[in-house]
Structure formats: C-alpha cells, structure tokens
Amino acid sequence: MFDSLIETLLRGALAPLVKTGRIEVVMPTGKVLAFGDEEYPGARIRFTDQRAVLHLLRDPDLNFGEMYMQGRLLVEKGSIYDVLELLLRHAKHVPDSKMVQFLDALRMKLIPIWQNNLRSKSRANVAHHYDLNDRLYQLFLDEDRQYSCAYFENGNESLEAAQLAKKRHIAAKLLLDREQRALDIGCGWGGMARYLAEIGDVGYVKGVTLSTEQLEGAKQRALQTPVAGRLEYSLEDYRDVQGTFDRIVSVGMFEHVGSRFHDTFFRQCFDLLAEDGVMLLHFIGNFEAPAFNNPWIERYIFPGGNLPSMSEFTQSIERSGLLVSDVEVLRLHYASTLRIWRARFLARRDEAKALYDERFCKMWEFYLSMSETAFRYQDIAVFQVQLVRKQEAVPLTRNYVRLREEALKARERLSPRYAHIVDQTVHP
C-alpha cells in the first residue's frame, strides 16, 4: 500500500515535467516507471531506498542534489546533466506542489538571514568556495582563470578566445586610457585587472578580493606581466576601499553582495567613482520577480548568494545617485561556458577525486550540470550594466564599443600573452 502511494506521488510529480525525451525511474522495489514520449530511454535513474523518493518529493530543490551526492539516487543511463535537462526543460510551465509552495514562501522570509553578508560572513562565504585547492580550478578554467561567463561572439570560439572576448567587450565599454586609475571589485585571480593594464593601457589598476587563494594567485601572475608596476592587489572588502577611481569594473561579484546590501554597494561605488568616471557591472541576474537563492546552491556551493532581479538592483542604483547609461543582457552565453567547464571537469574527474573524494566530484558535477540547465531553461542570464555619475561620461551611441573592441583586438595580436588566443575556434 505504501509503495503504491509513493509511486502515485512520483508519477504525479514527474509526468508533467517530461514531455519530450524519455526517462526511466527504477524504484527501490525494482519496479520501473517510464516517463516521456520516446521508445528508448534518454536517461535512467534508480532510487536505493523509499526515503530517498520521499525526500525528493518533499523538497526537490534541496534534496535532488543531496540524494545524488549521497548515492541514494543513482544515474544508470546517461548523465546527471541528461536527467536534469529532461526534468527542467518544461519545468517553468508546471505548477509547484503545495509543499514546494510552502517551502518557497518560508525561504523568502529567510532571505534577510541568509543574505546578512556583513564583513565577517562575506569573507567566510568567499572562503567556502574560492579558497578550495587551487589545482581544482586548473582542471576546467581557461589559462587566465576567468571564473565567470564568457562571451561567444560567433559561437564556435574556444573557451580561451571567448573569455578573452569577454574581457575585451568589458574593456571597450569602460573607455580606457593611460591616465586613468581603475578598480576591480572582486578581482578573482587578477585576469581582468591585468588585461586593463596590459591591453587597455590603464595607468593604475587595483584589484580587491576576499579570497586568500585568489589573492596569492593574482600577485604571482602580476609578476609575470610587463605591467606589474601598474597593478596592485589587496585582500579587502569593497566597503573598506578608499580613494577615487576613473573606472570601476566588477565581474561575477555582485551576486555575493546580498539584497540587503545592494544600497551599500552602489552608494560605495558612487563615492569611489570620479565625477566623469565609468563603471561596468557584470553579474548573473533574474528575469523574474525577486527570489531566494537555490537552497542546494546556498548550502553547498555559494552560501549567501543572490541572483538579483532587475526590479531589485535598479532601485538601489537610483537611490545611490548613479545613472544607468547602458544595459546588455547576455542570454545563453553562460550555458555555453558551463558546458565547456563541465566537459573539462569530467575529462579530469580522476584528478579532482584525488584532490577531494567521490562525494565532492558528484557535488561538483551536479553544480555544473544544474547551473547549465538553469541558464538554458530557467529565467536567468548575465547582465552588463554600465553606470556613470553624469550622462556626458559616455558617447551618445553604442558605436564606440565595436570600434574600441577592434583597437583592443589589434593590441592583443601584438601581445605574446594573447596573440595565440585571439582567433581560436573549436574545430568540429
């Protein structure tokens, strides 16, 4: 009787989701349930115990990943990405269960606690993810360690070329010159700051991060460039930065600020930006209404994270005194980036397992797979927001972006560091 009830609940949950393709689910009793419209299964999963099924039904956003990590949900055909793609492809058109709606409402109320990113908590959140063994990131990132969305101008670029194009695209929007002082908030391993100094020819660039691992890597890499004297890296919270900067850039950091601190972030940027300065903010955002961080991501990957909706961050910008001079939405670029990262990670999975363990590898594969499917099938994308203090700081049209990109690309072709990357493509 109990087994029959579990089957009925699972059918009710999965049947509306799998409209194309096919997935087979092996129950703990051995019975096989099939969903979808094709003769042969695209994926096959097995539950090892009834409680795993109940956990999934009760809270799929948190427990799907946990069941996979614990080995209580096994993928017997296909990959975890294949499973997630089948389940999420049509998910946004399927109403959530009453239990999920209840949990969602509760999580919305917990946002102020989860995103209470004071200085000490911000540093702990960053350490949780970015202070992992440095060799882990070597397994799947490009050689410049860009851990953010790449920019695929044509769609057939190598990861290295697409990440270089991302830096070029951002630099073009910043309207750089040699007399400027620039600030990189959340500088990672320092690649963006190095590009601004080396190719953008900016006179001084300061990069700040809360990751000790990234800071050490940024400093070491700076010494290998001909512009080391123009670079400075610091372990520093954005709230503590002082001075005036002609240009400010922040790539993939705003997601860690937390909605409670949006006003603080933009007001600080207003105070740091010169009167005729330009800022470029590149971050993951949400097309829909404000929402909580995915609970599995919150627990295991990015504690304190937030994907702000446009209605959230624009209000904070307005209150800061900054003006929005341009907004660009990079749709599906991150899905393409994550697909390459996932392939690279899986190709070197044994090395990751040697660094950590099997559970960690499952967690990381689930993270990369879930993130890619989210960018493909859910309403999230990357926003590039250009900000100024006065309207005259940037040209009247976007024509300058392409012209400056071409000029920057010409400099890249003369650089020993970038010349071999500029036009790299992935051959079929």
Protein backbone atom coordinates (compact mmCIF):
# COMPACT_ATOMS: atom_id res chain seq x y z
CA MET A 1 0.00 0.00 0.00
CA PHE A 2 2.76 2.43 0.99
CA ASP A 3 4.82 1.55 -2.12
CA SER A 4 1.79 2.16 -4.31
CA LEU A 5 1.24 5.58 -2.73
CA ILE A 6 4.88 6.57 -3.32
CA GLU A 7 4.60 5.52 -6.97
CA THR A 8 1.43 7.55 -7.42
CA LEU A 9 3.04 10.66 -5.92
CA LEU A 10 6.16 10.27 -8.06
CA ARG A 11 4.11 9.82 -11.23
CA GLY A 12 2.16 12.94 -10.40
CA ALA A 13 5.37 14.90 -9.92
CA LEU A 14 7.36 13.69 -12.96
CA ALA A 15 4.74 13.07 -15.66
CA PRO A 16 4.01 16.81 -16.26
CA LEU A 17 7.74 17.58 -16.48
CA VAL A 18 8.94 15.03 -19.04
CA LYS A 19 7.10 16.00 -22.21
CA THR A 20 9.93 15.34 -24.65
CA GLY A 21 12.55 12.63 -24.40
CA ARG A 22 12.22 9.77 -22.00
CA ILE A 23 13.38 8.91 -18.50
CA GLU A 24 13.11 5.62 -16.65
CA VAL A 25 12.94 5.53 -12.86
CA VAL A 26 13.77 2.31 -11.02
CA MET A 27 12.01 2.22 -7.67
CA PRO A 28 13.55 0.61 -4.55
CA THR A 29 11.17 -2.32 -5.12
CA GLY A 30 12.69 -2.88 -8.57
CA LYS A 31 9.64 -1.65 -10.45
CA VAL A 32 10.44 0.57 -13.44
CA LEU A 33 8.39 3.72 -14.10
CA ALA A 34 8.74 5.35 -17.52
CA PHE A 35 8.04 8.97 -18.43
CA GLY A 36 8.19 10.74 -21.78
CA ASP A 37 7.36 10.18 -25.42
CA GLU A 38 10.18 8.17 -26.94
CA GLU A 39 10.66 4.43 -27.27
CA TYR A 40 14.16 4.28 -25.85
CA PRO A 41 15.19 5.90 -22.55
CA GLY A 42 17.31 9.04 -22.72
CA ALA A 43 18.20 8.55 -19.07
CA ARG A 44 17.65 6.04 -16.30
CA ILE A 45 17.86 6.65 -12.56
CA ARG A 46 17.49 4.33 -9.57
CA PHE A 47 16.39 5.14 -6.03
CA THR A 48 18.10 2.95 -3.44
CA ASP A 49 15.51 3.46 -0.66
CA GLN A 50 11.97 4.74 -0.20
CA ARG A 51 13.08 7.63 1.99
CA ALA A 52 15.14 9.00 -0.91
CA VAL A 53 11.96 9.18 -3.00
CA LEU A 54 10.10 10.91 -0.17
CA HIS A 55 12.94 13.40 0.33
CA LEU A 56 12.87 14.24 -3.36
CA LEU A 57 9.09 14.74 -3.40
CA ARG A 58 9.12 16.86 -0.25
CA ASP A 59 11.86 19.31 -1.27
CA PRO A 60 13.25 18.68 -4.78
CA ASP A 61 15.25 21.93 -4.91
CA LEU A 62 17.41 20.86 -1.98
CA ASN A 63 17.15 17.08 -1.91
CA PHE A 64 17.68 16.12 -5.55
CA GLY A 65 21.33 17.14 -5.32
CA GLU A 66 21.70 15.67 -1.84
CA MET A 67 20.29 12.28 -2.89
CA TYR A 68 22.72 12.23 -5.82
CA MET A 69 25.70 13.18 -3.65
CA GLN A 70 24.79 10.52 -1.07
CA GLY A 71 24.47 7.77 -3.67
CA ARG A 72 20.79 7.28 -2.90
CA LEU A 73 19.84 8.43 -6.40
CA LEU A 74 21.96 6.61 -8.99
CA VAL A 75 22.24 7.50 -12.67
CA GLU A 76 22.36 4.22 -14.57
CA LYS A 77 21.99 5.57 -18.11
CA GLY A 78 23.06 8.95 -19.39
CA SER A 79 24.49 11.56 -17.03
CA ILE A 80 23.13 13.72 -14.26
CA TYR A 81 23.02 16.54 -16.81
CA ASP A 82 20.80 14.42 -19.07
CA VAL A 83 18.46 13.77 -16.15
CA LEU A 84 18.27 17.44 -15.15
CA GLU A 85 17.71 18.55 -18.74
CA LEU A 86 14.77 16.16 -19.14
CA LEU A 87 13.23 17.36 -15.88
CA LEU A 88 13.84 21.10 -16.25
CA ARG A 89 13.22 21.64 -19.96
CA HIS A 90 9.50 22.30 -19.37
CA ALA A 91 9.54 22.83 -15.61
CA LYS A 92 8.72 26.54 -15.55
CA HIS A 93 5.31 25.80 -17.08
CA VAL A 94 4.42 23.22 -14.39
CA PRO A 95 2.90 24.48 -11.10
CA ASP A 96 4.80 23.59 -7.94
CA SER A 97 3.27 21.24 -5.40
CA LYS A 98 1.64 22.69 -2.28
CA MET A 99 4.62 21.52 -0.22
CA VAL A 100 7.12 23.25 -2.51
CA GLN A 101 4.99 26.42 -2.48
CA PHE A 102 5.04 26.36 1.32
CA LEU A 103 8.82 25.90 1.42
CA ASP A 104 9.31 28.66 -1.14
CA ALA A 105 7.25 31.08 0.96
CA LEU A 106 9.30 30.15 4.04
CA ARG A 107 12.58 30.63 2.19
CA MET A 108 11.51 34.07 1.00
CA LYS A 109 11.10 35.05 4.65
CA LEU A 110 14.60 33.72 5.44
CA ILE A 111 16.33 35.88 2.81
CA PRO A 112 17.35 38.59 5.34
CA ILE A 113 19.11 35.91 7.41
CA TRP A 114 20.75 34.06 4.51
CA GLN A 115 21.94 37.27 2.90
CA ASN A 116 23.08 39.10 6.01
CA ASN A 117 26.51 39.48 4.39
CA LEU A 118 28.41 41.51 6.93
CA ARG A 119 32.18 41.66 6.54
CA SER A 120 32.97 38.52 8.54
CA LYS A 121 30.22 36.50 6.89
CA SER A 122 31.21 37.71 3.42
CA ARG A 123 34.76 36.51 3.96
CA ALA A 124 33.57 33.13 5.23
CA ASN A 125 31.22 32.76 2.24
CA VAL A 126 34.03 33.50 -0.19
CA ALA A 127 36.41 31.11 1.55
CA HIS A 128 33.79 28.32 1.30
CA HIS A 129 34.03 28.30 -2.49
CA TYR A 130 37.04 30.26 -3.70
CA ASP A 131 39.63 29.04 -1.19
CA LEU A 132 39.37 25.43 -2.34
CA ASN A 133 42.51 23.72 -3.55
CA ASP A 134 43.86 25.91 -6.33
CA ARG A 135 44.54 22.86 -8.52
CA LEU A 136 40.78 22.22 -8.74
CA TYR A 137 40.24 25.34 -10.83
CA GLN A 138 43.13 24.41 -13.11
CA LEU A 139 41.11 21.37 -14.19
CA PHE A 140 38.41 23.27 -16.05
CA LEU A 141 39.04 27.03 -16.30
CA ASP A 142 40.87 28.77 -19.14
CA GLU A 143 44.54 29.60 -18.72
CA ASP A 144 43.74 33.10 -17.42
CA ARG A 145 41.42 31.68 -14.71
CA GLN A 146 38.25 33.53 -15.72
CA TYR A 147 35.60 32.09 -13.41
CA SER A 148 32.64 33.93 -14.93
CA CYS A 149 30.53 33.96 -18.08
CA ALA A 150 32.49 34.01 -21.35
CA TYR A 151 31.38 35.99 -24.42
CA PHE A 152 30.73 33.93 -27.55
CA GLU A 153 30.62 36.38 -30.46
CA ASN A 154 30.25 33.66 -33.08
CA GLY A 155 29.53 30.53 -31.07
CA ASN A 156 32.49 28.48 -32.27
CA GLU A 157 35.22 30.09 -30.17
CA SER A 158 37.43 28.13 -27.82
CA LEU A 159 36.90 28.82 -24.12
CA GLU A 160 40.14 30.83 -24.09
CA ALA A 161 39.03 33.00 -27.02
CA ALA A 162 35.55 33.53 -25.56
CA GLN A 163 36.95 34.57 -22.19
CA LEU A 164 39.35 36.95 -23.91
CA ALA A 165 36.40 38.37 -25.86
CA LYS A 166 34.57 38.91 -22.55
CA LYS A 167 37.45 40.99 -21.19
CA ARG A 168 37.69 42.89 -24.46
CA HIS A 169 33.94 43.61 -24.52
CA ILE A 170 34.01 44.94 -20.96
CA ALA A 171 37.16 46.98 -21.54
CA ALA A 172 35.62 48.58 -24.63
CA LYS A 173 32.63 49.73 -22.59
CA LEU A 174 34.95 51.27 -19.99
CA LEU A 175 36.54 53.72 -22.49
CA LEU A 176 40.07 53.29 -21.17
CA ASP A 177 43.18 55.44 -21.40
CA ARG A 178 46.64 55.64 -19.82
CA GLU A 179 45.86 58.47 -17.38
CA GLN A 180 43.19 56.58 -15.52
CA ARG A 181 43.02 54.84 -12.16
CA ALA A 182 40.87 51.72 -12.20
CA LEU A 183 39.35 49.50 -9.51
CA ASP A 184 38.38 45.84 -9.97
CA ILE A 185 35.93 44.78 -7.23
CA GLY A 186 36.09 41.01 -6.75
CA CYS A 187 39.17 40.60 -8.92
CA GLY A 188 39.49 36.81 -8.66
CA TRP A 189 42.87 35.64 -9.92
CA GLY A 190 43.50 39.10 -11.37
CA GLY A 191 42.94 38.43 -15.07
CA MET A 192 40.61 41.37 -15.71
CA ALA A 193 42.90 43.81 -13.92
CA ARG A 194 45.91 42.53 -15.88
CA TYR A 195 44.02 42.96 -19.14
CA LEU A 196 43.08 46.56 -18.28
CA ALA A 197 46.71 47.42 -17.57
CA GLU A 198 48.38 45.38 -20.30
CA ILE A 199 45.99 45.71 -23.26
CA GLY A 200 43.81 48.60 -22.08
CA ASP A 201 46.97 50.52 -21.12
CA VAL A 202 45.43 51.88 -17.93
CA GLY A 203 47.94 53.67 -15.71
CA TYR A 204 46.97 52.01 -12.41
CA VAL A 205 44.65 49.14 -11.54
CA LYS A 206 43.75 47.99 -8.04
CA GLY A 207 42.08 44.62 -7.58
CA VAL A 208 40.35 43.65 -4.34
CA THR A 209 39.20 40.18 -3.26
CA LEU A 210 38.23 38.33 -0.09
CA SER A 211 39.89 35.08 -1.18
CA THR A 212 43.41 34.45 0.12
CA GLU A 213 43.98 31.79 -2.56
CA GLN A 214 42.94 34.13 -5.36
CA LEU A 215 44.96 37.00 -3.94
CA GLU A 216 48.14 34.93 -3.92
CA GLY A 217 47.49 33.75 -7.47
CA ALA A 218 46.82 37.30 -8.68
CA LYS A 219 50.05 38.60 -7.16
CA GLN A 220 52.12 35.80 -8.65
CA ARG A 221 50.61 36.26 -12.11
CA ALA A 222 51.13 40.02 -11.97
CA LEU A 223 54.88 39.45 -11.65
CA GLN A 224 54.84 37.61 -14.98
CA THR A 225 53.50 40.63 -16.88
CA PRO A 226 55.38 43.65 -18.25
CA VAL A 227 52.98 45.94 -16.36
CA ALA A 228 53.48 44.62 -12.82
CA GLY A 229 54.28 48.13 -11.58
CA ARG A 230 50.80 49.31 -12.54
CA LEU A 231 48.99 46.53 -10.67
CA GLU A 232 48.06 46.27 -7.01
CA TYR A 233 46.04 43.50 -5.38
CA SER A 234 44.57 43.62 -1.89
CA LEU A 235 42.60 41.39 0.50
CA GLU A 236 39.90 43.95 1.08
CA ASP A 237 36.13 44.23 1.43
CA TYR A 238 34.51 46.55 -1.10
CA ARG A 239 33.09 48.54 1.81
CA ASP A 240 36.59 49.40 3.01
CA VAL A 241 38.11 50.60 -0.27
CA GLN A 242 39.13 54.25 -0.24
CA GLY A 243 40.15 56.70 -2.95
CA THR A 244 38.81 57.95 -6.26
CA PHE A 245 38.82 55.88 -9.43
CA ASP A 246 38.17 56.88 -13.03
CA ARG A 247 36.98 53.40 -13.91
CA ILE A 248 35.38 50.66 -11.81
CA VAL A 249 34.73 47.13 -13.01
CA SER A 250 33.17 44.22 -11.16
CA VAL A 251 32.72 40.80 -12.76
CA GLY A 252 30.83 37.99 -11.02
CA MET A 253 30.99 39.59 -7.58
CA PHE A 254 27.65 41.39 -7.21
CA GLU A 255 25.87 38.03 -6.77
CA HIS A 256 27.67 37.74 -3.40
CA VAL A 257 26.65 41.16 -2.06
CA GLY A 258 23.17 40.09 -0.92
CA SER A 259 19.98 42.07 -1.48
CA ARG A 260 20.20 43.65 1.96
CA PHE A 261 23.45 45.34 0.93
CA HIS A 262 22.61 46.49 -2.59
CA ASP A 263 22.19 50.08 -1.41
CA THR A 264 25.51 49.91 0.44
CA PHE A 265 27.30 48.55 -2.63
CA PHE A 266 26.05 51.13 -5.10
CA ARG A 267 26.48 54.04 -2.70
CA GLN A 268 30.09 52.96 -2.13
CA CYS A 269 30.63 52.76 -5.90
CA PHE A 270 29.17 56.26 -6.26
CA ASP A 271 31.59 57.57 -3.64
CA LEU A 272 34.59 55.83 -5.27
CA LEU A 273 33.80 56.81 -8.86
CA ALA A 274 35.22 60.05 -10.27
CA GLU A 275 32.76 62.70 -11.43
CA ASP A 276 33.33 61.81 -15.08
CA GLY A 277 34.00 58.13 -14.36
CA VAL A 278 32.50 54.97 -15.86
CA MET A 279 31.63 51.70 -14.14
CA LEU A 280 30.80 48.31 -15.69
CA LEU A 281 29.00 45.71 -13.58
CA HIS A 282 28.81 42.13 -14.95
CA PHE A 283 26.70 39.67 -12.93
CA ILE A 284 24.09 36.91 -13.03
CA GLY A 285 20.56 38.21 -12.69
CA ASN A 286 16.98 37.02 -12.64
CA PHE A 287 14.41 37.99 -15.27
CA GLU A 288 11.53 37.34 -12.89
CA ALA A 289 10.42 38.74 -9.52
CA PRO A 290 12.89 38.71 -6.59
CA ALA A 291 13.56 35.19 -5.32
CA PHE A 292 15.71 33.26 -2.86
CA ASN A 293 18.97 31.53 -3.71
CA ASN A 294 18.55 27.89 -4.75
CA PRO A 295 18.73 26.03 -1.41
CA TRP A 296 21.16 23.36 -2.65
CA ILE A 297 23.47 26.02 -4.09
CA GLU A 298 23.09 28.01 -0.85
CA ARG A 299 24.13 25.04 1.30
CA TYR A 300 26.90 23.50 -0.77
CA ILE A 301 28.27 25.98 -3.31
CA PHE A 302 27.59 29.70 -2.78
CA PRO A 303 26.32 30.49 0.74
CA GLY A 304 24.91 33.99 0.98
CA GLY A 305 24.46 34.24 -2.79
CA ASN A 306 21.71 36.05 -4.64
CA LEU A 307 20.63 36.40 -8.27
CA PRO A 308 19.04 39.85 -8.21
CA SER A 309 16.09 40.72 -10.39
CA MET A 310 16.08 43.92 -12.39
CA SER A 311 13.46 45.39 -10.07
CA GLU A 312 15.88 44.92 -7.14
CA PHE A 313 19.15 46.28 -8.42
CA THR A 314 17.75 49.19 -10.44
CA GLN A 315 16.03 50.65 -7.38
CA SER A 316 19.29 50.54 -5.45
CA ILE A 317 21.10 52.22 -8.33
CA GLU A 318 18.52 55.00 -8.36
CA ARG A 319 18.95 55.59 -4.63
CA SER A 320 22.75 55.72 -4.97
CA GLY A 321 22.90 58.68 -7.35
CA LEU A 322 24.48 56.63 -10.15
CA LEU A 323 22.90 56.71 -13.62
CA VAL A 324 22.35 53.67 -15.83
CA SER A 325 23.90 54.54 -19.19
CA ASP A 326 23.62 51.10 -20.81
CA VAL A 327 22.30 47.58 -20.10
CA GLU A 328 23.15 44.47 -22.12
CA VAL A 329 21.74 41.02 -21.43
CA LEU A 330 23.97 38.08 -22.35
CA ARG A 331 21.49 35.26 -22.97
CA LEU A 332 22.77 31.66 -23.07
CA HIS A 333 26.43 32.70 -23.05
CA TYR A 334 26.81 31.24 -19.57
CA ALA A 335 25.13 27.98 -20.62
CA SER A 336 27.81 27.62 -23.31
CA THR A 337 30.53 28.47 -20.80
CA LEU A 338 29.27 25.92 -18.29
CA ARG A 339 29.01 23.22 -20.93
CA ILE A 340 32.73 23.58 -21.65
CA TRP A 341 33.61 23.73 -17.95
CA ARG A 342 31.60 20.57 -17.30
CA ALA A 343 33.26 18.70 -20.18
CA ARG A 344 36.70 19.74 -18.98
CA PHE A 345 35.93 18.80 -15.39
CA LEU A 346 34.63 15.37 -16.35
CA ALA A 347 37.66 14.76 -18.57
CA ARG A 348 39.85 15.22 -15.49
CA ARG A 349 37.47 13.89 -12.88
CA ASP A 350 40.02 11.42 -11.51
CA GLU A 351 42.33 14.32 -10.67
CA ALA A 352 39.52 16.07 -8.81
CA LYS A 353 38.81 12.87 -6.91
CA ALA A 354 42.47 12.63 -5.92
CA LEU A 355 42.24 16.17 -4.52
CA TYR A 356 39.00 15.51 -2.63
CA ASP A 357 36.75 12.42 -2.88
CA GLU A 358 33.88 10.84 -4.81
CA ARG A 359 31.23 12.80 -2.94
CA PHE A 360 32.92 16.06 -3.85
CA CYS A 361 33.08 15.06 -7.51
CA LYS A 362 29.38 14.28 -7.53
CA MET A 363 28.66 17.60 -5.87
CA TRP A 364 30.75 19.49 -8.41
CA GLU A 365 29.27 17.67 -11.39
CA PHE A 366 25.77 18.36 -10.08
CA TYR A 367 26.65 22.04 -9.58
CA LEU A 368 27.95 22.47 -13.13
CA SER A 369 25.09 20.45 -14.63
CA MET A 370 22.34 22.19 -12.69
CA SER A 371 23.79 25.61 -13.44
CA GLU A 372 23.92 24.91 -17.17
CA THR A 373 20.33 23.67 -17.30
CA ALA A 374 19.22 26.70 -15.28
CA PHE A 375 20.74 29.07 -17.82
CA ARG A 376 19.17 27.14 -20.68
CA TYR A 377 15.68 26.58 -19.33
CA GLN A 378 15.05 28.99 -16.48
CA ASP A 379 14.80 32.77 -16.46
CA ILE A 380 18.33 33.77 -15.52
CA ALA A 381 21.02 35.44 -17.59
CA VAL A 382 24.05 37.69 -17.29
CA PHE A 383 23.56 41.45 -17.10
CA GLN A 384 26.19 44.00 -18.05
CA VAL A 385 25.20 47.36 -16.57
CA GLN A 386 27.19 50.48 -17.42
CA LEU A 387 26.96 53.19 -14.77
CA VAL A 388 28.05 56.84 -14.66
CA ARG A 389 27.69 59.87 -12.43
CA LYS A 390 26.88 62.18 -15.32
CA GLN A 391 25.38 61.48 -18.73
CA GLU A 392 28.19 63.09 -20.71
CA ALA A 393 30.73 60.50 -19.49
CA VAL A 394 29.96 58.11 -22.38
CA PRO A 395 29.21 58.63 -26.11
CA LEU A 396 25.65 59.08 -27.35
CA THR A 397 25.51 55.75 -29.23
CA ARG A 398 26.98 52.27 -28.84
CA ASN A 399 29.11 52.60 -31.98
CA TYR A 400 32.22 53.19 -29.87
CA VAL A 401 32.03 49.67 -28.40
CA ARG A 402 32.80 47.90 -31.68
CA LEU A 403 35.48 50.43 -32.63
CA ARG A 404 37.24 50.04 -29.30
CA GLU A 405 36.96 46.25 -29.45
CA GLU A 406 38.76 46.26 -32.78
CA ALA A 407 41.51 48.50 -31.40
CA LEU A 408 41.93 46.24 -28.36
CA LYS A 409 42.00 43.15 -30.57
CA ALA A 410 44.78 44.71 -32.64
CA ARG A 411 46.82 45.16 -29.44
CA GLU A 412 46.12 41.56 -28.43
CA ARG A 413 47.56 40.32 -31.70
CA LEU A 414 50.82 42.09 -30.83
CA SER A 415 50.97 40.59 -27.33
CA PRO A 416 52.86 37.33 -26.71
CA ARG A 417 50.33 36.58 -23.98
CA TYR A 418 47.22 36.88 -26.14
CA ALA A 419 48.20 36.58 -29.82
CA HIS A 420 47.73 32.79 -29.96
CA ILE A 421 44.25 33.03 -28.39
CA VAL A 422 42.54 35.88 -30.27
CA ASP A 423 41.05 33.88 -33.13
CA GLN A 424 40.97 30.38 -31.61
CA THR A 425 37.96 28.34 -32.66
CA VAL A 426 36.76 24.87 -31.73
CA HIS A 427 37.10 22.63 -34.76
CA PRO A 428 34.33 20.08 -35.41
